């Protein structure tokens, strides 16, 4: 029996997948097959694994997906031309360019080239702007969107809560802050965004009702940084050497889980917390993209 304070990301992801699968079925009854195209440039091992997981999940849910793999030395112009073709293809509802990209390709340019209507990663400036302004209709980045869903479905009180987000990245930190500070249901939090230049991060954390750790620093959040009863969400994925592990390394989060878990009110394990939700939100975004582009409302 798992501890009562664990937030089971796998179980919640299954709930979201079930809802998504129902919407996929409704679209197919209306003659629409949701489709998602992945683009991977080069053979980064982690990217291969991540795209493979997304492909398998799409297949289970009935979403058609295909992957285009380009050589590492592909010119940026070639990638942009491919994106233009996919933008114009009405049979493609979602486009995901897997990061990281080779150094000679500018990620900002690439993400800005994907049509906002097909930007199921939520990285296009139009979607980022809609999120910041609190406008509906855009796509929220999958990881912060997944964290938000974890909080909601775990019964965590967000309204009026003191939230500390560790990390100001464009993929997690900034959009997470934008989600939680909106004048909306399941938001209205007081958000502090900490980063590498923040003074006395521990003091900020100790007053938080909710901590979202997304700094990319292994075991950064220690037990003396957490207020008893606080909710702790660990987004970090850090590779550390471990001669005893089969691969010679293991992955750990940004939270010292073993020490923090006994004092936290609720906490995500890592793995098994945020990761499954990221994929679940990607699939949900893809189905919504298909609904919006075809005018078929399934819920």
C-alpha atoms as a PDB file:
ATOM      1  CA  UNK A   1       0.000   0.000   0.000  1.00  0.00           C
ATOM      2  CA  UNK A   2       1.596   3.328  -1.089  1.00  0.00           C
ATOM      3  CA  UNK A   3       1.776   6.193   1.416  1.00  0.00           C
ATOM      4  CA  UNK A   4      -1.425   8.238   1.569  1.00  0.00           C
ATOM      5  CA  UNK A   5       0.331  11.451   0.564  1.00  0.00           C
ATOM      6  CA  UNK A   6       1.665  10.222  -2.798  1.00  0.00           C
ATOM      7  CA  UNK A   7       0.200  11.849  -5.906  1.00  0.00           C
ATOM      8  CA  UNK A   8      -0.023   8.971  -8.376  1.00  0.00           C
ATOM      9  CA  UNK A   9       0.713  10.531 -11.751  1.00  0.00           C
ATOM     10  CA  UNK A  10       0.276   7.236 -13.567  1.00  0.00           C
ATOM     11  CA  UNK A  11      -3.237   6.727 -12.185  1.00  0.00           C
ATOM     12  CA  UNK A  12      -4.291  10.299 -12.969  1.00  0.00           C
ATOM     13  CA  UNK A  13      -2.800  10.026 -16.459  1.00  0.00           C
ATOM     14  CA  UNK A  14      -4.967   6.939 -17.029  1.00  0.00           C
ATOM     15  CA  UNK A  15      -8.028   9.005 -16.100  1.00  0.00           C
ATOM     16  CA  UNK A  16      -7.072  11.684 -18.629  1.00  0.00           C
ATOM     17  CA  UNK A  17      -6.334   9.056 -21.289  1.00  0.00           C
ATOM     18  CA  UNK A  18      -9.780   7.509 -20.787  1.00  0.00           C
ATOM     19  CA  UNK A  19     -11.395  10.893 -21.377  1.00  0.00           C
ATOM     20  CA  UNK A  20      -9.210  11.498 -24.420  1.00  0.00           C
ATOM     21  CA  UNK A  21      -9.996   8.065 -25.854  1.00  0.00           C
ATOM     22  CA  UNK A  22     -13.714   8.828 -25.607  1.00  0.00           C
ATOM     23  CA  UNK A  23     -13.220  12.076 -27.510  1.00  0.00           C
ATOM     24  CA  UNK A  24     -11.162  10.267 -30.152  1.00  0.00           C
ATOM     25  CA  UNK A  25     -13.994   7.789 -30.649  1.00  0.00           C
ATOM     26  CA  UNK A  26     -16.504  10.632 -31.056  1.00  0.00           C
ATOM     27  CA  UNK A  27     -14.283  12.314 -33.643  1.00  0.00           C
ATOM     28  CA  UNK A  28     -13.940   9.096 -35.594  1.00  0.00           C
ATOM     29  CA  UNK A  29     -17.721   8.663 -35.595  1.00  0.00           C
ATOM     30  CA  UNK A  30     -17.854  12.098 -37.230  1.00  0.00           C
ATOM     31  CA  UNK A  31     -15.318  10.997 -39.843  1.00  0.00           C
ATOM     32  CA  UNK A  32     -12.280  12.705 -38.289  1.00  0.00           C
ATOM     33  CA  UNK A  33      -9.107  10.790 -37.434  1.00  0.00           C
ATOM     34  CA  UNK A  34      -6.935  12.846 -35.066  1.00  0.00           C
ATOM     35  CA  UNK A  35      -3.353  12.882 -36.274  1.00  0.00           C
ATOM     36  CA  UNK A  36      -0.043  13.933 -34.788  1.00  0.00           C
ATOM     37  CA  UNK A  37       3.320  14.279 -36.538  1.00  0.00           C
ATOM     38  CA  UNK A  38       6.582  14.040 -34.628  1.00  0.00           C
ATOM     39  CA  UNK A  39       9.797  15.461 -36.051  1.00  0.00           C
ATOM     40  CA  UNK A  40      13.123  14.386 -34.652  1.00  0.00           C
ATOM     41  CA  UNK A  41      16.438  15.805 -35.888  1.00  0.00           C
ATOM     42  CA  UNK A  42      19.420  13.573 -35.181  1.00  0.00           C
ATOM     43  CA  UNK A  43      19.727  10.510 -32.978  1.00  0.00           C
ATOM     44  CA  UNK A  44      19.738  11.918 -29.447  1.00  0.00           C
ATOM     45  CA  UNK A  45      19.098   8.808 -27.285  1.00  0.00           C
ATOM     46  CA  UNK A  46      16.687  10.512 -24.894  1.00  0.00           C
ATOM     47  CA  UNK A  47      14.712  12.015 -27.786  1.00  0.00           C
ATOM     48  CA  UNK A  48      14.346   8.598 -29.367  1.00  0.00           C
ATOM     49  CA  UNK A  49      12.952   7.210 -26.118  1.00  0.00           C
ATOM     50  CA  UNK A  50      10.556  10.112 -25.548  1.00  0.00           C
ATOM     51  CA  UNK A  51       9.161  10.069 -29.083  1.00  0.00           C
ATOM     52  CA  UNK A  52       8.757   6.303 -28.900  1.00  0.00           C
ATOM     53  CA  UNK A  53       6.709   6.608 -25.704  1.00  0.00           C
ATOM     54  CA  UNK A  54       4.508   9.257 -27.302  1.00  0.00           C
ATOM     55  CA  UNK A  55       3.988   7.132 -30.426  1.00  0.00           C
ATOM     56  CA  UNK A  56       2.903   4.129 -28.383  1.00  0.00           C
ATOM     57  CA  UNK A  57       0.497   6.177 -26.287  1.00  0.00           C
ATOM     58  CA  UNK A  58      -1.052   7.747 -29.394  1.00  0.00           C
ATOM     59  CA  UNK A  59      -1.603   4.301 -30.884  1.00  0.00           C
ATOM     60  CA  UNK A  60      -3.328   3.053 -27.722  1.00  0.00           C
ATOM     61  CA  UNK A  61      -5.714   6.015 -27.789  1.00  0.00           C
ATOM     62  CA  UNK A  62      -6.519   5.711 -31.488  1.00  0.00           C
ATOM     63  CA  UNK A  63      -4.592   8.805 -32.548  1.00  0.00           C
ATOM     64  CA  UNK A  64      -2.760   8.380 -35.847  1.00  0.00           C
ATOM     65  CA  UNK A  65       0.875   9.395 -35.539  1.00  0.00           C
ATOM     66  CA  UNK A  66       3.928   9.338 -37.723  1.00  0.00           C
ATOM     67  CA  UNK A  67       7.520  10.308 -37.121  1.00  0.00           C
ATOM     68  CA  UNK A  68       9.891  12.030 -39.507  1.00  0.00           C
ATOM     69  CA  UNK A  69      13.552  11.612 -38.609  1.00  0.00           C
ATOM     70  CA  UNK A  70      15.965  14.071 -40.199  1.00  0.00           C
ATOM     71  CA  UNK A  71      19.783  13.772 -40.211  1.00  0.00           C
ATOM     72  CA  UNK A  72      21.748  15.675 -37.561  1.00  0.00           C
ATOM     73  CA  UNK A  73      23.198  18.029 -40.209  1.00  0.00           C
ATOM     74  CA  UNK A  74      19.824  18.965 -41.717  1.00  0.00           C
ATOM     75  CA  UNK A  75      19.812  22.698 -42.554  1.00  0.00           C
ATOM     76  CA  UNK A  76      17.372  24.824 -40.612  1.00  0.00           C
ATOM     77  CA  UNK A  77      15.757  25.899 -43.888  1.00  0.00           C
ATOM     78  CA  UNK A  78      14.910  22.283 -44.713  1.00  0.00           C
ATOM     79  CA  UNK A  79      13.183  21.801 -41.379  1.00  0.00           C
ATOM     80  CA  UNK A  80      11.235  25.049 -41.782  1.00  0.00           C
ATOM     81  CA  UNK A  81      10.129  23.992 -45.269  1.00  0.00           C
ATOM     82  CA  UNK A  82       8.854  20.688 -43.859  1.00  0.00           C
ATOM     83  CA  UNK A  83       6.929  22.540 -41.165  1.00  0.00           C
ATOM     84  CA  UNK A  84       5.328  24.767 -43.794  1.00  0.00           C
ATOM     85  CA  UNK A  85       4.148  21.680 -45.665  1.00  0.00           C
ATOM     86  CA  UNK A  86       2.678  20.133 -42.517  1.00  0.00           C
ATOM     87  CA  UNK A  87       1.007  23.421 -41.553  1.00  0.00           C
ATOM     88  CA  UNK A  88      -0.830  23.370 -44.885  1.00  0.00           C
ATOM     89  CA  UNK A  89      -1.852  19.696 -44.628  1.00  0.00           C
ATOM     90  CA  UNK A  90      -5.422  19.556 -43.325  1.00  0.00           C
ATOM     91  CA  UNK A  91      -5.039  15.867 -42.415  1.00  0.00           C
ATOM     92  CA  UNK A  92      -2.408  16.793 -39.790  1.00  0.00           C
ATOM     93  CA  UNK A  93      -3.855  18.237 -36.600  1.00  0.00           C
ATOM     94  CA  UNK A  94      -0.810  18.389 -34.332  1.00  0.00           C
ATOM     95  CA  UNK A  95       2.909  18.935 -34.893  1.00  0.00           C
ATOM     96  CA  UNK A  96       5.622  18.287 -32.332  1.00  0.00           C
ATOM     97  CA  UNK A  97       9.287  19.056 -32.975  1.00  0.00           C
ATOM     98  CA  UNK A  98      11.248  17.104 -30.378  1.00  0.00           C
ATOM     99  CA  UNK A  99      13.824  19.112 -28.435  1.00  0.00           C
ATOM    100  CA  UNK A 100      16.733  19.396 -28.102  1.00  0.00           C
ATOM    101  CA  UNK A 101      17.603  20.351 -31.659  1.00  0.00           C
ATOM    102  CA  UNK A 102      21.155  20.454 -33.074  1.00  0.00           C
ATOM    103  CA  UNK A 103      23.023  23.643 -32.213  1.00  0.00           C
ATOM    104  CA  UNK A 104      22.869  25.057 -35.730  1.00  0.00           C
ATOM    105  CA  UNK A 105      19.059  25.133 -35.599  1.00  0.00           C
ATOM    106  CA  UNK A 106      17.361  27.895 -33.626  1.00  0.00           C
ATOM    107  CA  UNK A 107      14.602  26.390 -31.479  1.00  0.00           C
ATOM    108  CA  UNK A 108      12.743  29.698 -31.145  1.00  0.00           C
ATOM    109  CA  UNK A 109      12.519  30.051 -34.915  1.00  0.00           C
ATOM    110  CA  UNK A 110      11.347  26.466 -35.296  1.00  0.00           C
ATOM    111  CA  UNK A 111       8.684  26.648 -32.588  1.00  0.00           C
ATOM    112  CA  UNK A 112       7.450  29.951 -34.027  1.00  0.00           C
ATOM    113  CA  UNK A 113       7.076  28.375 -37.476  1.00  0.00           C
ATOM    114  CA  UNK A 114       4.672  25.668 -36.347  1.00  0.00           C
ATOM    115  CA  UNK A 115       1.091  26.853 -36.888  1.00  0.00           C
ATOM    116  CA  UNK A 116      -0.398  28.014 -33.552  1.00  0.00           C
ATOM    117  CA  UNK A 117      -3.452  25.889 -34.363  1.00  0.00           C
ATOM    118  CA  UNK A 118      -1.254  22.765 -34.565  1.00  0.00           C
ATOM    119  CA  UNK A 119       1.200  23.703 -31.806  1.00  0.00           C
ATOM    120  CA  UNK A 120       0.190  20.956 -29.378  1.00  0.00           C
ATOM    121  CA  UNK A 121       3.401  21.575 -27.386  1.00  0.00           C
ATOM    122  CA  UNK A 122       2.185  25.091 -26.577  1.00  0.00           C
ATOM    123  CA  UNK A 123       5.483  26.787 -27.446  1.00  0.00           C
ATOM    124  CA  UNK A 124       4.364  29.196 -30.189  1.00  0.00           C
ATOM    125  CA  UNK A 125       4.428  32.877 -29.133  1.00  0.00           C
ATOM    126  CA  UNK A 126       0.708  33.160 -29.891  1.00  0.00           C
ATOM    127  CA  UNK A 127      -0.132  30.344 -27.494  1.00  0.00           C
ATOM    128  CA  UNK A 128       2.325  31.665 -24.911  1.00  0.00           C
ATOM    129  CA  UNK A 129       0.690  35.076 -25.205  1.00  0.00           C
ATOM    130  CA  UNK A 130      -2.816  33.670 -24.812  1.00  0.00           C
ATOM    131  CA  UNK A 131      -1.724  31.847 -21.681  1.00  0.00           C
ATOM    132  CA  UNK A 132      -0.167  34.959 -20.190  1.00  0.00           C
ATOM    133  CA  UNK A 133      -3.250  37.045 -20.984  1.00  0.00           C
ATOM    134  CA  UNK A 134      -5.606  34.401 -19.646  1.00  0.00           C
ATOM    135  CA  UNK A 135      -7.326  33.936 -23.005  1.00  0.00           C
ATOM    136  CA  UNK A 136      -8.900  30.626 -23.922  1.00  0.00           C
ATOM    137  CA  UNK A 137      -8.448  28.705 -27.143  1.00  0.00           C
ATOM    138  CA  UNK A 138      -4.680  28.338 -27.028  1.00  0.00           C
ATOM    139  CA  UNK A 139      -2.546  25.358 -26.083  1.00  0.00           C
ATOM    140  CA  UNK A 140      -0.843  25.148 -22.701  1.00  0.00           C
ATOM    141  CA  UNK A 141       2.627  23.521 -22.573  1.00  0.00           C
ATOM    142  CA  UNK A 142       2.202  19.890 -21.619  1.00  0.00           C
ATOM    143  CA  UNK A 143       4.339  19.646 -18.479  1.00  0.00           C
ATOM    144  CA  UNK A 144       2.927  22.655 -16.584  1.00  0.00           C
ATOM    145  CA  UNK A 145      -0.515  21.719 -17.852  1.00  0.00           C
ATOM    146  CA  UNK A 146       0.033  18.254 -16.433  1.00  0.00           C
ATOM    147  CA  UNK A 147       1.179  19.647 -13.082  1.00  0.00           C
ATOM    148  CA  UNK A 148      -1.961  21.782 -12.922  1.00  0.00           C
ATOM    149  CA  UNK A 149      -4.097  18.724 -13.619  1.00  0.00           C
ATOM    150  CA  UNK A 150      -2.302  16.772 -10.881  1.00  0.00           C
ATOM    151  CA  UNK A 151      -3.037  19.524  -8.370  1.00  0.00           C
ATOM    152  CA  UNK A 152      -6.697  19.766  -9.355  1.00  0.00           C
ATOM    153  CA  UNK A 153      -7.392  16.036  -9.392  1.00  0.00           C
ATOM    154  CA  UNK A 154      -5.517  15.500  -6.128  1.00  0.00           C
ATOM    155  CA  UNK A 155      -7.760  18.011  -4.362  1.00  0.00           C
ATOM    156  CA  UNK A 156      -4.989  20.501  -3.628  1.00  0.00           C
ATOM    157  CA  UNK A 157      -6.290  23.978  -2.777  1.00  0.00           C
ATOM    158  CA  UNK A 158      -4.765  26.403  -5.260  1.00  0.00           C
ATOM    159  CA  UNK A 159      -6.863  29.518  -4.747  1.00  0.00           C
ATOM    160  CA  UNK A 160      -5.136  31.821  -2.275  1.00  0.00           C
ATOM    161  CA  UNK A 161      -2.207  29.429  -1.888  1.00  0.00           C
ATOM    162  CA  UNK A 162       1.390  30.570  -1.650  1.00  0.00           C
ATOM    163  CA  UNK A 163       3.155  28.835  -4.549  1.00  0.00           C
ATOM    164  CA  UNK A 164       6.906  28.781  -5.074  1.00  0.00           C
ATOM    165  CA  UNK A 165       8.152  27.673  -8.482  1.00  0.00           C
ATOM    166  CA  UNK A 166      11.821  26.788  -8.704  1.00  0.00           C
ATOM    167  CA  UNK A 167      13.075  27.516 -12.205  1.00  0.00           C
ATOM    168  CA  UNK A 168      12.112  30.212 -14.729  1.00  0.00           C
ATOM    169  CA  UNK A 169      12.394  28.204 -17.952  1.00  0.00           C
ATOM    170  CA  UNK A 170      10.062  28.751 -20.890  1.00  0.00           C
ATOM    171  CA  UNK A 171       8.932  25.123 -20.881  1.00  0.00           C
ATOM    172  CA  UNK A 172       7.879  24.765 -17.223  1.00  0.00           C
ATOM    173  CA  UNK A 173       8.591  27.659 -14.856  1.00  0.00           C
ATOM    174  CA  UNK A 174       7.163  30.670 -16.673  1.00  0.00           C
ATOM    175  CA  UNK A 175       4.033  28.977 -18.043  1.00  0.00           C
ATOM    176  CA  UNK A 176       3.432  27.316 -14.663  1.00  0.00           C
ATOM    177  CA  UNK A 177       3.440  30.741 -13.026  1.00  0.00           C
ATOM    178  CA  UNK A 178       1.077  32.075 -15.696  1.00  0.00           C
ATOM    179  CA  UNK A 179      -1.379  29.213 -15.154  1.00  0.00           C
ATOM    180  CA  UNK A 180      -1.541  29.540 -11.388  1.00  0.00           C
ATOM    181  CA  UNK A 181      -1.792  33.318 -11.109  1.00  0.00           C
ATOM    182  CA  UNK A 182      -4.767  33.715 -13.448  1.00  0.00           C
ATOM    183  CA  UNK A 183      -8.104  34.985 -12.199  1.00  0.00           C
ATOM    184  CA  UNK A 184      -9.653  31.615 -12.921  1.00  0.00           C
ATOM    185  CA  UNK A 185     -11.056  28.573 -11.191  1.00  0.00           C
ATOM    186  CA  UNK A 186      -8.242  26.345  -9.895  1.00  0.00           C
ATOM    187  CA  UNK A 187      -5.851  29.321  -9.947  1.00  0.00           C
ATOM    188  CA  UNK A 188      -5.789  32.665  -8.072  1.00  0.00           C
ATOM    189  CA  UNK A 189      -2.568  31.689  -6.309  1.00  0.00           C
ATOM    190  CA  UNK A 190       0.156  34.010  -5.078  1.00  0.00           C
ATOM    191  CA  UNK A 191       3.164  32.912  -7.112  1.00  0.00           C
ATOM    192  CA  UNK A 192       6.860  33.407  -6.420  1.00  0.00           C
ATOM    193  CA  UNK A 193       9.193  32.415  -9.254  1.00  0.00           C
ATOM    194  CA  UNK A 194      12.674  31.586  -7.946  1.00  0.00           C
ATOM    195  CA  UNK A 195      15.776  31.208 -10.098  1.00  0.00           C
ATOM    196  CA  UNK A 196      19.562  31.123  -9.973  1.00  0.00           C
ATOM    197  CA  UNK A 197      19.792  34.778  -8.879  1.00  0.00           C
ATOM    198  CA  UNK A 198      17.124  34.549  -6.178  1.00  0.00           C
ATOM    199  CA  UNK A 199      18.313  35.258  -2.631  1.00  0.00           C
ATOM    200  CA  UNK A 200      17.555  32.758   0.127  1.00  0.00           C
ATOM    201  CA  UNK A 201      15.524  30.307  -1.929  1.00  0.00           C
ATOM    202  CA  UNK A 202      15.065  28.135   1.162  1.00  0.00           C
ATOM    203  CA  UNK A 203      13.221  30.941   2.956  1.00  0.00           C
ATOM    204  CA  UNK A 204      10.829  31.321   0.031  1.00  0.00           C
ATOM    205  CA  UNK A 205      10.182  27.584   0.000  1.00  0.00           C
ATOM    206  CA  UNK A 206       9.507  27.385   3.738  1.00  0.00           C
ATOM    207  CA  UNK A 207       6.463  29.657   3.456  1.00  0.00           C
ATOM    208  CA  UNK A 208       5.036  27.852   0.420  1.00  0.00           C
ATOM    209  CA  UNK A 209       1.835  25.849   0.443  1.00  0.00           C
ATOM    210  CA  UNK A 210       2.846  24.400  -2.928  1.00  0.00           C
ATOM    211  CA  UNK A 211       6.374  23.916  -4.281  1.00  0.00           C
ATOM    212  CA  UNK A 212       6.966  23.110  -7.940  1.00  0.00           C
ATOM    213  CA  UNK A 213      10.608  22.107  -8.418  1.00  0.00           C
ATOM    214  CA  UNK A 214      11.821  22.514 -12.002  1.00  0.00           C
ATOM    215  CA  UNK A 215      15.418  23.704 -11.633  1.00  0.00           C
ATOM    216  CA  UNK A 216      17.234  20.667 -12.976  1.00  0.00           C
ATOM    217  CA  UNK A 217      19.376  20.313  -9.849  1.00  0.00           C
ATOM    218  CA  UNK A 218      19.408  16.828  -8.359  1.00  0.00           C
ATOM    219  CA  UNK A 219      17.968  16.663  -4.834  1.00  0.00           C
ATOM    220  CA  UNK A 220      17.894  20.449  -4.463  1.00  0.00           C
ATOM    221  CA  UNK A 221      14.787  20.613  -2.263  1.00  0.00           C
ATOM    222  CA  UNK A 222      15.760  19.412   1.212  1.00  0.00           C
ATOM    223  CA  UNK A 223      13.455  18.602   4.104  1.00  0.00           C
ATOM    224  CA  UNK A 224      14.320  21.803   5.982  1.00  0.00           C
ATOM    225  CA  UNK A 225      13.019  23.809   2.990  1.00  0.00           C
ATOM    226  CA  UNK A 226       9.506  22.348   3.169  1.00  0.00           C
ATOM    227  CA  UNK A 227       6.715  23.527   5.444  1.00  0.00           C
ATOM    228  CA  UNK A 228       4.959  20.562   7.068  1.00  0.00           C
ATOM    229  CA  UNK A 229       1.849  19.751   5.079  1.00  0.00           C
ATOM    230  CA  UNK A 230       2.979  21.503   1.893  1.00  0.00           C
ATOM    231  CA  UNK A 231       2.368  19.965  -1.529  1.00  0.00           C
ATOM    232  CA  UNK A 232       5.607  19.209  -3.379  1.00  0.00           C
ATOM    233  CA  UNK A 233       5.674  18.619  -7.151  1.00  0.00           C
ATOM    234  CA  UNK A 234       8.958  17.316  -8.558  1.00  0.00           C
ATOM    235  CA  UNK A 235       9.435  18.074 -12.269  1.00  0.00           C
ATOM    236  CA  UNK A 236      13.192  17.503 -12.370  1.00  0.00           C
ATOM    237  CA  UNK A 237      14.922  14.771 -14.370  1.00  0.00           C
ATOM    238  CA  UNK A 238      18.594  14.517 -13.476  1.00  0.00           C
ATOM    239  CA  UNK A 239      21.089  11.843 -14.454  1.00  0.00           C
ATOM    240  CA  UNK A 240      23.587  10.883 -11.772  1.00  0.00           C
ATOM    241  CA  UNK A 241      26.333   8.279 -11.866  1.00  0.00           C
ATOM    242  CA  UNK A 242      25.581   5.055 -10.025  1.00  0.00           C
ATOM    243  CA  UNK A 243      27.999   2.142 -10.546  1.00  0.00           C
ATOM    244  CA  UNK A 244      25.472  -0.188  -8.920  1.00  0.00           C
ATOM    245  CA  UNK A 245      22.815   0.586 -11.547  1.00  0.00           C
ATOM    246  CA  UNK A 246      22.505  -1.562 -14.658  1.00  0.00           C
ATOM    247  CA  UNK A 247      23.282   1.366 -16.970  1.00  0.00           C
ATOM    248  CA  UNK A 248      25.853   2.926 -14.646  1.00  0.00           C
ATOM    249  CA  UNK A 249      23.555   5.820 -13.837  1.00  0.00           C
ATOM    250  CA  UNK A 250      20.089   6.557 -12.511  1.00  0.00           C
ATOM    251  CA  UNK A 251      17.575   9.344 -12.847  1.00  0.00           C
ATOM    252  CA  UNK A 252      16.435  11.377  -9.864  1.00  0.00           C
ATOM    253  CA  UNK A 253      14.362  14.489  -9.384  1.00  0.00           C
ATOM    254  CA  UNK A 254      14.960  17.932  -7.922  1.00  0.00           C
ATOM    255  CA  UNK A 255      13.532  16.862  -4.543  1.00  0.00           C
ATOM    256  CA  UNK A 256      15.225  14.787  -1.845  1.00  0.00           C
ATOM    257  CA  UNK A 257      12.194  12.520  -1.905  1.00  0.00           C
ATOM    258  CA  UNK A 258      13.049  10.108   0.919  1.00  0.00           C
ATOM    259  CA  UNK A 259      13.569  12.963   3.376  1.00  0.00           C
ATOM    260  CA  UNK A 260      10.768  15.248   2.183  1.00  0.00           C
ATOM    261  CA  UNK A 261       7.986  12.685   1.742  1.00  0.00           C
ATOM    262  CA  UNK A 262       7.307  12.201   5.498  1.00  0.00           C
ATOM    263  CA  UNK A 263       6.682  15.935   6.074  1.00  0.00           C
ATOM    264  CA  UNK A 264       4.845  16.785   2.860  1.00  0.00           C
ATOM    265  CA  UNK A 265       1.069  16.939   2.767  1.00  0.00           C
ATOM    266  CA  UNK A 266       1.143  15.600  -0.780  1.00  0.00           C
ATOM    267  CA  UNK A 267       4.124  14.776  -3.000  1.00  0.00           C
ATOM    268  CA  UNK A 268       4.801  13.368  -6.456  1.00  0.00           C
ATOM    269  CA  UNK A 269       7.126  10.394  -6.782  1.00  0.00           C
ATOM    270  CA  UNK A 270       9.824  10.586  -9.413  1.00  0.00           C
ATOM    271  CA  UNK A 271       9.413   8.671 -11.661  1.00  0.00           C
ATOM    272  CA  UNK A 272       5.670   8.108 -11.719  1.00  0.00           C
ATOM    273  CA  UNK A 273       4.540  11.635 -10.971  1.00  0.00           C
ATOM    274  CA  UNK A 274       4.761  14.427 -13.542  1.00  0.00           C
ATOM    275  CA  UNK A 275       6.192  12.403 -16.442  1.00  0.00           C
ATOM    276  CA  UNK A 276       3.068  10.404 -17.338  1.00  0.00           C
ATOM    277  CA  UNK A 277       0.993  13.572 -17.202  1.00  0.00           C
ATOM    278  CA  UNK A 278       3.140  15.343 -19.779  1.00  0.00           C
ATOM    279  CA  UNK A 279       2.249  12.722 -22.381  1.00  0.00           C
ATOM    280  CA  UNK A 280      -1.392  12.669 -21.283  1.00  0.00           C
ATOM    281  CA  UNK A 281      -1.688  16.418 -21.847  1.00  0.00           C
ATOM    282  CA  UNK A 282      -0.006  16.145 -25.245  1.00  0.00           C
ATOM    283  CA  UNK A 283      -2.631  13.647 -26.352  1.00  0.00           C
ATOM    284  CA  UNK A 284      -5.430  15.813 -24.957  1.00  0.00           C
ATOM    285  CA  UNK A 285      -4.046  18.860 -26.776  1.00  0.00           C
ATOM    286  CA  UNK A 286      -3.905  16.869 -30.028  1.00  0.00           C
ATOM    287  CA  UNK A 287      -7.545  15.851 -29.774  1.00  0.00           C
ATOM    288  CA  UNK A 288      -8.581  19.411 -28.998  1.00  0.00           C
ATOM    289  CA  UNK A 289      -6.583  20.612 -32.014  1.00  0.00           C
ATOM    290  CA  UNK A 290      -8.501  18.164 -34.198  1.00  0.00           C
ATOM    291  CA  UNK A 291     -11.802  19.342 -32.709  1.00  0.00           C
ATOM    292  CA  UNK A 292     -10.993  23.003 -33.278  1.00  0.00           C
ATOM    293  CA  UNK A 293      -9.695  22.550 -36.810  1.00  0.00           C
ATOM    294  CA  UNK A 294     -12.650  20.466 -37.961  1.00  0.00           C
ATOM    295  CA  UNK A 295     -15.393  22.130 -35.945  1.00  0.00           C
ATOM    296  CA  UNK A 296     -16.336  18.827 -34.337  1.00  0.00           C
ATOM    297  CA  UNK A 297     -17.111  19.384 -30.660  1.00  0.00           C
ATOM    298  CA  UNK A 298     -16.962  16.145 -28.687  1.00  0.00           C
ATOM    299  CA  UNK A 299     -17.694  17.449 -25.210  1.00  0.00           C
END
